[in-house]
Amino acid sequence: MGEKYTSIPDKQLEFIKQQKMYFVGTATADSRINISPKGMDSFVVLNANRVLWLNVTGSGNESAAHLQKNDRMTIMFCSFEKVPLILRLYGHARMVLTGDDDWDELYSLFEPIAGARQIFDVSVDLVHTSCGYGVPLYDFVGERQTLKKWAEKKGDDGIRDYWLDKNAISLDDETIPLGKMDD
């Protein structure tokens, strides 16, 4: 059944590398709780206590809003394949915006994705596994190309306008910092 670790064991590192999807959870003391599914090869393990995930332009920006008041973040992976497992990474995150001093260095660890807007740098302090026996079986068919094509079609100016229109205010009416677009 479940185990707890202070860092990501090698066996779980291999499990993470095989996953096509993960979920990110954030909240403040008085905000709505946000749980967001992620994919698109947007997750990198730097070491057993540090991971990065690349956030691309979407309909909301709640993780960024929450981090301004509370840096706690939970990342969950679960197996939809034969061997059941749920793996949660608990930690504290910092947000790196486009244009920040370390953006280029960290962004170089990912395949370029149109509309990339933040990198979350997470210091993992607890790893918790659980059985996953109740998670249904699913087959991975492929990555959706819709968001990539949408962002490429919009271009940098269109993405920046979208950020200002749709990503600058949270569901709880908090202002969200936005990175710089390349000129």
C-alpha atoms as a PDB file:
ATOM      1  CA  MET A   1       0.000   0.000   0.000  1.00  0.00           C
ATOM      2  CA  GLY A   2       1.126   3.607   0.570  1.00  0.00           C
ATOM      3  CA  GLU A   3       4.666   4.720   1.354  1.00  0.00           C
ATOM      4  CA  LYS A   4       6.173   8.090   2.300  1.00  0.00           C
ATOM      5  CA  TYR A   5       9.607   9.374   1.283  1.00  0.00           C
ATOM      6  CA  THR A   6      11.526  12.633   1.731  1.00  0.00           C
ATOM      7  CA  SER A   7      12.787  12.465  -1.867  1.00  0.00           C
ATOM      8  CA  ILE A   8      11.768  10.731  -5.084  1.00  0.00           C
ATOM      9  CA  PRO A   9      13.071   7.126  -5.109  1.00  0.00           C
ATOM     10  CA  ASP A  10      14.579   5.775  -8.344  1.00  0.00           C
ATOM     11  CA  LYS A  11      11.634   3.440  -8.885  1.00  0.00           C
ATOM     12  CA  GLN A  12       9.225   6.386  -8.766  1.00  0.00           C
ATOM     13  CA  LEU A  13      11.487   8.452 -11.057  1.00  0.00           C
ATOM     14  CA  GLU A  14      11.044   5.759 -13.684  1.00  0.00           C
ATOM     15  CA  PHE A  15       7.280   5.766 -13.114  1.00  0.00           C
ATOM     16  CA  ILE A  16       7.167   9.569 -13.603  1.00  0.00           C
ATOM     17  CA  LYS A  17       9.111   9.347 -16.879  1.00  0.00           C
ATOM     18  CA  GLN A  18       6.535   6.905 -18.276  1.00  0.00           C
ATOM     19  CA  GLN A  19       3.494   9.060 -17.500  1.00  0.00           C
ATOM     20  CA  LYS A  20       1.746  11.067 -20.207  1.00  0.00           C
ATOM     21  CA  MET A  21      -0.384  13.132 -17.826  1.00  0.00           C
ATOM     22  CA  TYR A  22      -0.167  14.616 -14.352  1.00  0.00           C
ATOM     23  CA  PHE A  23      -2.306  16.874 -12.190  1.00  0.00           C
ATOM     24  CA  VAL A  24      -1.305  20.038 -10.308  1.00  0.00           C
ATOM     25  CA  GLY A  25      -3.109  21.233  -7.185  1.00  0.00           C
ATOM     26  CA  THR A  26      -2.812  24.685  -5.588  1.00  0.00           C
ATOM     27  CA  ALA A  27      -4.833  26.928  -3.288  1.00  0.00           C
ATOM     28  CA  THR A  28      -4.546  29.784  -0.850  1.00  0.00           C
ATOM     29  CA  ALA A  29      -6.204  29.886   2.558  1.00  0.00           C
ATOM     30  CA  ASP A  30      -9.328  31.505   1.100  1.00  0.00           C
ATOM     31  CA  SER A  31      -9.257  30.787  -2.641  1.00  0.00           C
ATOM     32  CA  ARG A  32     -10.945  28.171  -4.714  1.00  0.00           C
ATOM     33  CA  ILE A  33      -8.855  25.012  -4.914  1.00  0.00           C
ATOM     34  CA  ASN A  34      -7.417  24.504  -8.383  1.00  0.00           C
ATOM     35  CA  ILE A  35      -6.649  21.067  -9.820  1.00  0.00           C
ATOM     36  CA  SER A  36      -5.353  21.127 -13.348  1.00  0.00           C
ATOM     37  CA  PRO A  37      -4.440  18.285 -15.723  1.00  0.00           C
ATOM     38  CA  LYS A  38      -1.154  18.654 -17.600  1.00  0.00           C
ATOM     39  CA  GLY A  39       0.494  16.878 -20.505  1.00  0.00           C
ATOM     40  CA  MET A  40       2.498  17.858 -23.597  1.00  0.00           C
ATOM     41  CA  ASP A  41       5.834  16.552 -22.271  1.00  0.00           C
ATOM     42  CA  SER A  42       5.944  19.503 -19.874  1.00  0.00           C
ATOM     43  CA  PHE A  43       7.560  17.864 -16.810  1.00  0.00           C
ATOM     44  CA  VAL A  44      11.264  17.570 -15.952  1.00  0.00           C
ATOM     45  CA  VAL A  45      12.905  15.947 -12.927  1.00  0.00           C
ATOM     46  CA  LEU A  46      16.133  17.776 -12.060  1.00  0.00           C
ATOM     47  CA  ASN A  47      16.942  15.595  -9.060  1.00  0.00           C
ATOM     48  CA  ALA A  48      15.215  13.612  -6.312  1.00  0.00           C
ATOM     49  CA  ASN A  49      13.988  16.809  -4.624  1.00  0.00           C
ATOM     50  CA  ARG A  50      13.515  19.258  -7.474  1.00  0.00           C
ATOM     51  CA  VAL A  51      11.143  19.155 -10.440  1.00  0.00           C
ATOM     52  CA  LEU A  52      10.022  21.646 -13.062  1.00  0.00           C
ATOM     53  CA  TRP A  53       6.827  21.903 -15.032  1.00  0.00           C
ATOM     54  CA  LEU A  54       6.172  24.177 -17.966  1.00  0.00           C
ATOM     55  CA  ASN A  55       2.859  25.983 -17.962  1.00  0.00           C
ATOM     56  CA  VAL A  56       1.480  26.928 -21.347  1.00  0.00           C
ATOM     57  CA  THR A  57      -1.224  29.443 -22.168  1.00  0.00           C
ATOM     58  CA  GLY A  58      -4.663  28.208 -21.211  1.00  0.00           C
ATOM     59  CA  SER A  59      -8.089  29.397 -20.241  1.00  0.00           C
ATOM     60  CA  GLY A  60      -6.985  30.239 -16.699  1.00  0.00           C
ATOM     61  CA  ASN A  61      -3.868  30.946 -14.681  1.00  0.00           C
ATOM     62  CA  GLU A  62      -4.819  29.859 -11.171  1.00  0.00           C
ATOM     63  CA  SER A  63      -1.539  28.159 -10.194  1.00  0.00           C
ATOM     64  CA  ALA A  64       0.286  31.447 -10.804  1.00  0.00           C
ATOM     65  CA  ALA A  65      -2.343  33.376  -8.842  1.00  0.00           C
ATOM     66  CA  HIS A  66      -2.134  31.051  -5.857  1.00  0.00           C
ATOM     67  CA  LEU A  67       1.669  31.066  -5.683  1.00  0.00           C
ATOM     68  CA  GLN A  68       1.644  34.785  -4.919  1.00  0.00           C
ATOM     69  CA  LYS A  69       0.110  34.026  -1.506  1.00  0.00           C
ATOM     70  CA  ASN A  70       0.932  30.369  -0.890  1.00  0.00           C
ATOM     71  CA  ASP A  71       3.836  28.519  -2.464  1.00  0.00           C
ATOM     72  CA  ARG A  72       2.556  25.027  -1.619  1.00  0.00           C
ATOM     73  CA  MET A  73       1.971  22.772  -4.603  1.00  0.00           C
ATOM     74  CA  THR A  74       0.977  19.142  -5.059  1.00  0.00           C
ATOM     75  CA  ILE A  75       1.671  17.223  -8.239  1.00  0.00           C
ATOM     76  CA  MET A  76      -0.088  13.897  -8.747  1.00  0.00           C
ATOM     77  CA  PHE A  77       0.660  11.122 -11.209  1.00  0.00           C
ATOM     78  CA  CYS A  78      -1.510   8.043 -11.492  1.00  0.00           C
ATOM     79  CA  SER A  79      -1.192   4.918 -13.535  1.00  0.00           C
ATOM     80  CA  PHE A  80      -3.983   4.191 -15.961  1.00  0.00           C
ATOM     81  CA  GLU A  81      -2.171   1.065 -17.105  1.00  0.00           C
ATOM     82  CA  LYS A  82      -1.845  -2.487 -15.798  1.00  0.00           C
ATOM     83  CA  VAL A  83       0.169  -1.802 -12.610  1.00  0.00           C
ATOM     84  CA  PRO A  84      -1.815   0.555 -10.341  1.00  0.00           C
ATOM     85  CA  LEU A  85      -0.080   3.415  -8.519  1.00  0.00           C
ATOM     86  CA  ILE A  86      -0.796   6.956  -7.396  1.00  0.00           C
ATOM     87  CA  LEU A  87       2.235   9.154  -6.721  1.00  0.00           C
ATOM     88  CA  ARG A  88       1.995  12.597  -5.137  1.00  0.00           C
ATOM     89  CA  LEU A  89       4.839  15.096  -4.905  1.00  0.00           C
ATOM     90  CA  TYR A  90       4.333  17.699  -2.178  1.00  0.00           C
ATOM     91  CA  GLY A  91       6.483  20.776  -2.049  1.00  0.00           C
ATOM     92  CA  HIS A  92       6.993  24.476  -2.404  1.00  0.00           C
ATOM     93  CA  ALA A  93       7.171  26.162  -5.789  1.00  0.00           C
ATOM     94  CA  ARG A  94       8.500  29.335  -7.237  1.00  0.00           C
ATOM     95  CA  MET A  95       7.287  30.784 -10.484  1.00  0.00           C
ATOM     96  CA  VAL A  96       9.704  31.699 -13.270  1.00  0.00           C
ATOM     97  CA  LEU A  97       8.204  34.014 -15.872  1.00  0.00           C
ATOM     98  CA  THR A  98       9.301  34.592 -19.435  1.00  0.00           C
ATOM     99  CA  GLY A  99      11.899  37.338 -19.265  1.00  0.00           C
ATOM    100  CA  ASP A 100      13.158  36.366 -15.765  1.00  0.00           C
ATOM    101  CA  ASP A 101      16.919  35.906 -15.418  1.00  0.00           C
ATOM    102  CA  ASP A 102      16.745  32.099 -15.245  1.00  0.00           C
ATOM    103  CA  TRP A 103      13.953  31.606 -17.824  1.00  0.00           C
ATOM    104  CA  ASP A 104      16.286  30.773 -20.740  1.00  0.00           C
ATOM    105  CA  GLU A 105      18.304  28.264 -18.720  1.00  0.00           C
ATOM    106  CA  LEU A 106      15.243  26.435 -17.383  1.00  0.00           C
ATOM    107  CA  TYR A 107      13.203  26.685 -20.604  1.00  0.00           C
ATOM    108  CA  SER A 108      16.071  25.029 -22.494  1.00  0.00           C
ATOM    109  CA  LEU A 109      15.271  21.821 -20.561  1.00  0.00           C
ATOM    110  CA  PHE A 110      11.929  21.531 -22.419  1.00  0.00           C
ATOM    111  CA  GLU A 111      10.983  21.135 -26.045  1.00  0.00           C
ATOM    112  CA  PRO A 112       9.883  24.616 -27.177  1.00  0.00           C
ATOM    113  CA  ILE A 113       6.101  25.036 -27.014  1.00  0.00           C
ATOM    114  CA  ALA A 114       4.274  28.055 -28.455  1.00  0.00           C
ATOM    115  CA  GLY A 115       2.503  29.973 -25.690  1.00  0.00           C
ATOM    116  CA  ALA A 116       4.834  28.898 -22.860  1.00  0.00           C
ATOM    117  CA  ARG A 117       4.201  31.391 -20.056  1.00  0.00           C
ATOM    118  CA  GLN A 118       5.673  30.103 -16.784  1.00  0.00           C
ATOM    119  CA  ILE A 119       7.904  27.449 -15.345  1.00  0.00           C
ATOM    120  CA  PHE A 120       7.143  26.224 -11.871  1.00  0.00           C
ATOM    121  CA  ASP A 121      10.280  25.180  -9.997  1.00  0.00           C
ATOM    122  CA  VAL A 122       9.178  22.836  -7.214  1.00  0.00           C
ATOM    123  CA  SER A 123      11.242  21.804  -4.210  1.00  0.00           C
ATOM    124  CA  VAL A 124       9.827  18.418  -3.226  1.00  0.00           C
ATOM    125  CA  ASP A 125       9.788  17.651   0.505  1.00  0.00           C
ATOM    126  CA  LEU A 126       7.353  14.722   0.627  1.00  0.00           C
ATOM    127  CA  VAL A 127       6.629  11.912  -1.806  1.00  0.00           C
ATOM    128  CA  HIS A 128       3.580   9.801  -1.068  1.00  0.00           C
ATOM    129  CA  THR A 129       2.445   6.729  -2.928  1.00  0.00           C
ATOM    130  CA  SER A 130      -0.894   4.990  -2.660  1.00  0.00           C
ATOM    131  CA  CYS A 131      -2.342   1.901  -4.276  1.00  0.00           C
ATOM    132  CA  GLY A 132      -4.409   3.292  -7.142  1.00  0.00           C
ATOM    133  CA  TYR A 133      -6.568   0.167  -7.139  1.00  0.00           C
ATOM    134  CA  GLY A 134      -9.700   2.220  -7.846  1.00  0.00           C
ATOM    135  CA  VAL A 135      -8.229   4.082 -10.855  1.00  0.00           C
ATOM    136  CA  PRO A 136      -9.727   2.767 -14.114  1.00  0.00           C
ATOM    137  CA  LEU A 137      -7.650   1.407 -16.983  1.00  0.00           C
ATOM    138  CA  TYR A 138      -7.204   3.645 -20.031  1.00  0.00           C
ATOM    139  CA  ASP A 139      -5.077   3.446 -23.153  1.00  0.00           C
ATOM    140  CA  PHE A 140      -2.976   6.394 -24.297  1.00  0.00           C
ATOM    141  CA  VAL A 141      -3.904   7.264 -27.878  1.00  0.00           C
ATOM    142  CA  GLY A 142      -1.766  10.356 -28.416  1.00  0.00           C
ATOM    143  CA  GLU A 143      -1.175  13.992 -27.549  1.00  0.00           C
ATOM    144  CA  ARG A 144      -3.770  16.522 -28.637  1.00  0.00           C
ATOM    145  CA  GLN A 145      -2.327  19.059 -31.051  1.00  0.00           C
ATOM    146  CA  THR A 146      -5.146  21.604 -30.612  1.00  0.00           C
ATOM    147  CA  LEU A 147      -3.438  23.896 -28.057  1.00  0.00           C
ATOM    148  CA  LYS A 148      -0.111  23.905 -29.902  1.00  0.00           C
ATOM    149  CA  LYS A 149      -1.785  24.769 -33.211  1.00  0.00           C
ATOM    150  CA  TRP A 150      -3.942  27.442 -31.553  1.00  0.00           C
ATOM    151  CA  ALA A 151      -0.900  29.123 -29.952  1.00  0.00           C
ATOM    152  CA  GLU A 152       1.173  28.927 -33.129  1.00  0.00           C
ATOM    153  CA  LYS A 153      -1.657  30.487 -35.134  1.00  0.00           C
ATOM    154  CA  LYS A 154      -2.087  33.328 -32.616  1.00  0.00           C
ATOM    155  CA  GLY A 155       1.628  34.194 -32.674  1.00  0.00           C
ATOM    156  CA  ASP A 156       3.473  36.109 -29.972  1.00  0.00           C
ATOM    157  CA  ASP A 157       1.351  39.277 -30.233  1.00  0.00           C
ATOM    158  CA  GLY A 158      -1.904  37.318 -30.158  1.00  0.00           C
ATOM    159  CA  ILE A 159      -0.727  35.259 -27.161  1.00  0.00           C
ATOM    160  CA  ARG A 160       0.272  38.413 -25.283  1.00  0.00           C
ATOM    161  CA  ASP A 161      -3.163  39.930 -25.966  1.00  0.00           C
ATOM    162  CA  TYR A 162      -4.795  36.704 -24.777  1.00  0.00           C
ATOM    163  CA  TRP A 163      -2.732  36.766 -21.568  1.00  0.00           C
ATOM    164  CA  LEU A 164      -3.873  40.318 -20.874  1.00  0.00           C
ATOM    165  CA  ASP A 165      -7.513  39.477 -21.635  1.00  0.00           C
ATOM    166  CA  LYS A 166      -7.867  35.998 -20.080  1.00  0.00           C
ATOM    167  CA  ASN A 167      -4.873  35.255 -17.817  1.00  0.00           C
ATOM    168  CA  ALA A 168      -4.213  38.461 -15.840  1.00  0.00           C
ATOM    169  CA  ILE A 169      -7.030  38.077 -13.260  1.00  0.00           C
ATOM    170  CA  SER A 170      -7.738  34.895 -11.275  1.00  0.00           C
ATOM    171  CA  LEU A 171     -11.120  33.326 -10.547  1.00  0.00           C
ATOM    172  CA  ASP A 172     -10.849  35.023  -7.141  1.00  0.00           C
ATOM    173  CA  ASP A 173     -10.158  38.450  -8.729  1.00  0.00           C
ATOM    174  CA  GLU A 174      -6.429  38.442  -7.925  1.00  0.00           C
ATOM    175  CA  THR A 175      -4.005  40.118 -10.326  1.00  0.00           C
ATOM    176  CA  ILE A 176      -1.552  37.643 -11.848  1.00  0.00           C
ATOM    177  CA  PRO A 177       1.948  38.629 -12.994  1.00  0.00           C
ATOM    178  CA  LEU A 178       2.628  37.973 -16.666  1.00  0.00           C
ATOM    179  CA  GLY A 179       6.018  37.425 -18.274  1.00  0.00           C
ATOM    180  CA  LYS A 180       7.478  39.308 -21.193  1.00  0.00           C
ATOM    181  CA  MET A 181       6.947  38.172 -24.756  1.00  0.00           C
ATOM    182  CA  ASP A 182       9.969  37.904 -27.026  1.00  0.00           C
ATOM    183  CA  ASP A 183      10.324  40.878 -29.343  1.00  0.00           C
END
